[in-house]
Amino acid sequence: VLVFFPSYFALDDAVEAWKRSTVWSRLERGRTVVVEPRGSADFRTSAQTFDAAAANGSAVLLAVCRGKASEGMDFADEKCRVVIVTGLPYAPPRDPRVRAKRQFLDARKIASRKNG
């Protein structure tokens, strides 16, 4: 099972909440649960743990959209039977690149109305 979150913040928040409740213990029942680490140094170990657990039974990988696992791992055959996406990683509306893109598109729209 693969569960993708829109950010590391959302992933960490869910894991913390699940560990405070019964969700985490139920999730671990009969499965190996692997959480994608933020650091690249720890990623290889996490990927190997997930691969071994998936090959031997049941594994759950909690990862981030556009993160190391989603961009760098092959989830063929027994590694992936279910994918859950908890949210899409949209850029914040106040991000300078988002504002610049919005201004460009608005100006283009106004220009097309004048010419069309």
Protein backbone atom coordinates (compact mmCIF):
# COMPACT_ATOMS: atom_id res chain seq x y z
CA VAL A 1 0.00 0.00 0.00
CA LEU A 2 1.31 3.44 -0.93
CA VAL A 3 -0.02 6.54 0.80
CA PHE A 4 1.10 9.87 -0.64
CA PHE A 5 0.80 13.20 1.19
CA PRO A 6 1.08 16.68 -0.36
CA SER A 7 4.01 17.70 1.90
CA TYR A 8 6.34 16.47 4.61
CA PHE A 9 4.40 18.66 7.04
CA ALA A 10 1.14 16.82 6.19
CA LEU A 11 2.92 13.44 6.43
CA ASP A 12 4.45 14.25 9.83
CA ASP A 13 1.16 15.65 11.10
CA ALA A 14 -0.73 12.48 10.10
CA VAL A 15 1.87 10.15 11.60
CA GLU A 16 1.86 12.09 14.89
CA ALA A 17 -1.96 12.05 15.06
CA TRP A 18 -2.12 8.36 14.19
CA LYS A 19 0.45 7.47 16.84
CA ARG A 20 -1.61 9.32 19.48
CA SER A 21 -4.67 7.28 18.51
CA THR A 22 -5.23 3.62 17.70
CA VAL A 23 -4.74 4.13 13.95
CA TRP A 24 -0.98 3.56 14.04
CA SER A 25 -1.17 0.27 15.93
CA ARG A 26 -3.93 -0.95 13.60
CA LEU A 27 -1.87 0.07 10.58
CA GLU A 28 1.12 -1.90 11.89
CA ARG A 29 -0.94 -5.03 12.55
CA GLY A 30 0.62 -7.64 10.23
CA ARG A 31 2.40 -5.00 8.15
CA THR A 32 5.68 -3.19 8.02
CA VAL A 33 5.07 0.57 7.97
CA VAL A 34 7.79 2.69 6.39
CA VAL A 35 7.78 6.49 6.53
CA GLU A 36 9.73 8.32 3.83
CA PRO A 37 12.57 10.18 5.57
CA ARG A 38 13.33 13.81 4.78
CA GLY A 39 17.04 13.17 4.45
CA SER A 40 18.54 11.49 1.41
CA ALA A 41 21.04 9.58 3.56
CA ASP A 42 18.26 7.57 5.23
CA PHE A 43 16.21 7.01 2.08
CA ARG A 44 18.14 3.97 0.79
CA THR A 45 17.56 2.08 4.07
CA SER A 46 13.86 2.95 4.06
CA ALA A 47 13.49 1.85 0.43
CA GLN A 48 15.23 -1.46 1.15
CA THR A 49 13.02 -2.04 4.20
CA PHE A 50 9.88 -1.40 2.14
CA ASP A 51 11.07 -3.62 -0.75
CA ALA A 52 11.86 -6.54 1.58
CA ALA A 53 8.56 -6.21 3.46
CA ALA A 54 6.54 -5.98 0.23
CA ALA A 55 8.26 -9.07 -1.17
CA ASN A 56 7.58 -11.04 2.04
CA GLY A 57 4.01 -10.02 2.71
CA SER A 58 2.44 -6.73 3.49
CA ALA A 59 3.98 -3.28 3.58
CA VAL A 60 2.77 0.29 3.81
CA LEU A 61 4.83 3.22 2.55
CA LEU A 62 3.90 6.69 3.72
CA ALA A 63 5.53 9.15 1.33
CA VAL A 64 5.31 12.62 -0.18
CA CYS A 65 4.08 13.57 -3.65
CA ARG A 66 7.07 14.73 -5.69
CA GLY A 67 9.36 13.35 -2.97
CA LYS A 68 12.17 10.82 -3.20
CA ALA A 69 9.92 7.75 -3.12
CA SER A 70 7.35 8.98 -5.64
CA GLU A 71 10.02 10.14 -8.08
CA GLY A 72 12.72 7.53 -7.59
CA MET A 73 11.18 4.14 -6.83
CA ASP A 74 9.64 1.53 -9.10
CA PHE A 75 6.42 0.12 -7.62
CA ALA A 76 5.87 -2.91 -9.82
CA ASP A 77 4.07 -6.13 -8.96
CA GLU A 78 3.87 -6.89 -5.21
CA LYS A 79 5.25 -3.49 -4.24
CA CYS A 80 2.03 -1.73 -5.06
CA ARG A 81 -1.53 -2.99 -5.00
CA VAL A 82 -3.19 0.15 -3.63
CA VAL A 83 -2.32 3.86 -3.97
CA ILE A 84 -3.92 6.49 -1.76
CA VAL A 85 -3.30 10.18 -2.45
CA THR A 86 -4.34 12.34 0.48
CA GLY A 87 -3.92 15.66 -1.32
CA LEU A 88 -2.18 17.34 -4.21
CA PRO A 89 0.86 19.55 -3.66
CA TYR A 90 -0.27 22.96 -4.87
CA ALA A 91 2.05 25.92 -4.55
CA PRO A 92 1.00 28.50 -1.96
CA PRO A 93 -1.06 31.29 -3.56
CA ARG A 94 1.32 33.95 -2.23
CA ASP A 95 4.39 32.27 -3.74
CA PRO A 96 6.21 34.82 -5.98
CA ARG A 97 6.24 32.42 -8.95
CA VAL A 98 2.50 31.79 -8.61
CA ARG A 99 1.82 35.52 -8.45
CA ALA A 100 4.01 36.18 -11.50
CA LYS A 101 2.28 33.43 -13.47
CA ARG A 102 -1.16 34.74 -12.48
CA GLN A 103 -0.21 38.29 -13.54
CA PHE A 104 1.09 37.00 -16.87
CA LEU A 105 -2.07 34.99 -17.56
CA ASP A 106 -4.34 37.86 -16.52
CA ALA A 107 -2.48 40.27 -18.84
CA ARG A 108 -2.68 37.74 -21.68
CA LYS A 109 -6.41 37.30 -21.12
CA ILE A 110 -7.00 41.08 -21.21
CA ALA A 111 -4.91 41.40 -24.38
CA SER A 112 -6.83 38.62 -26.11
CA ARG A 113 -10.14 40.31 -25.28
CA LYS A 114 -8.94 43.59 -26.82
CA ASN A 115 -7.72 41.85 -29.97
CA GLY A 116 -10.58 39.39 -30.35
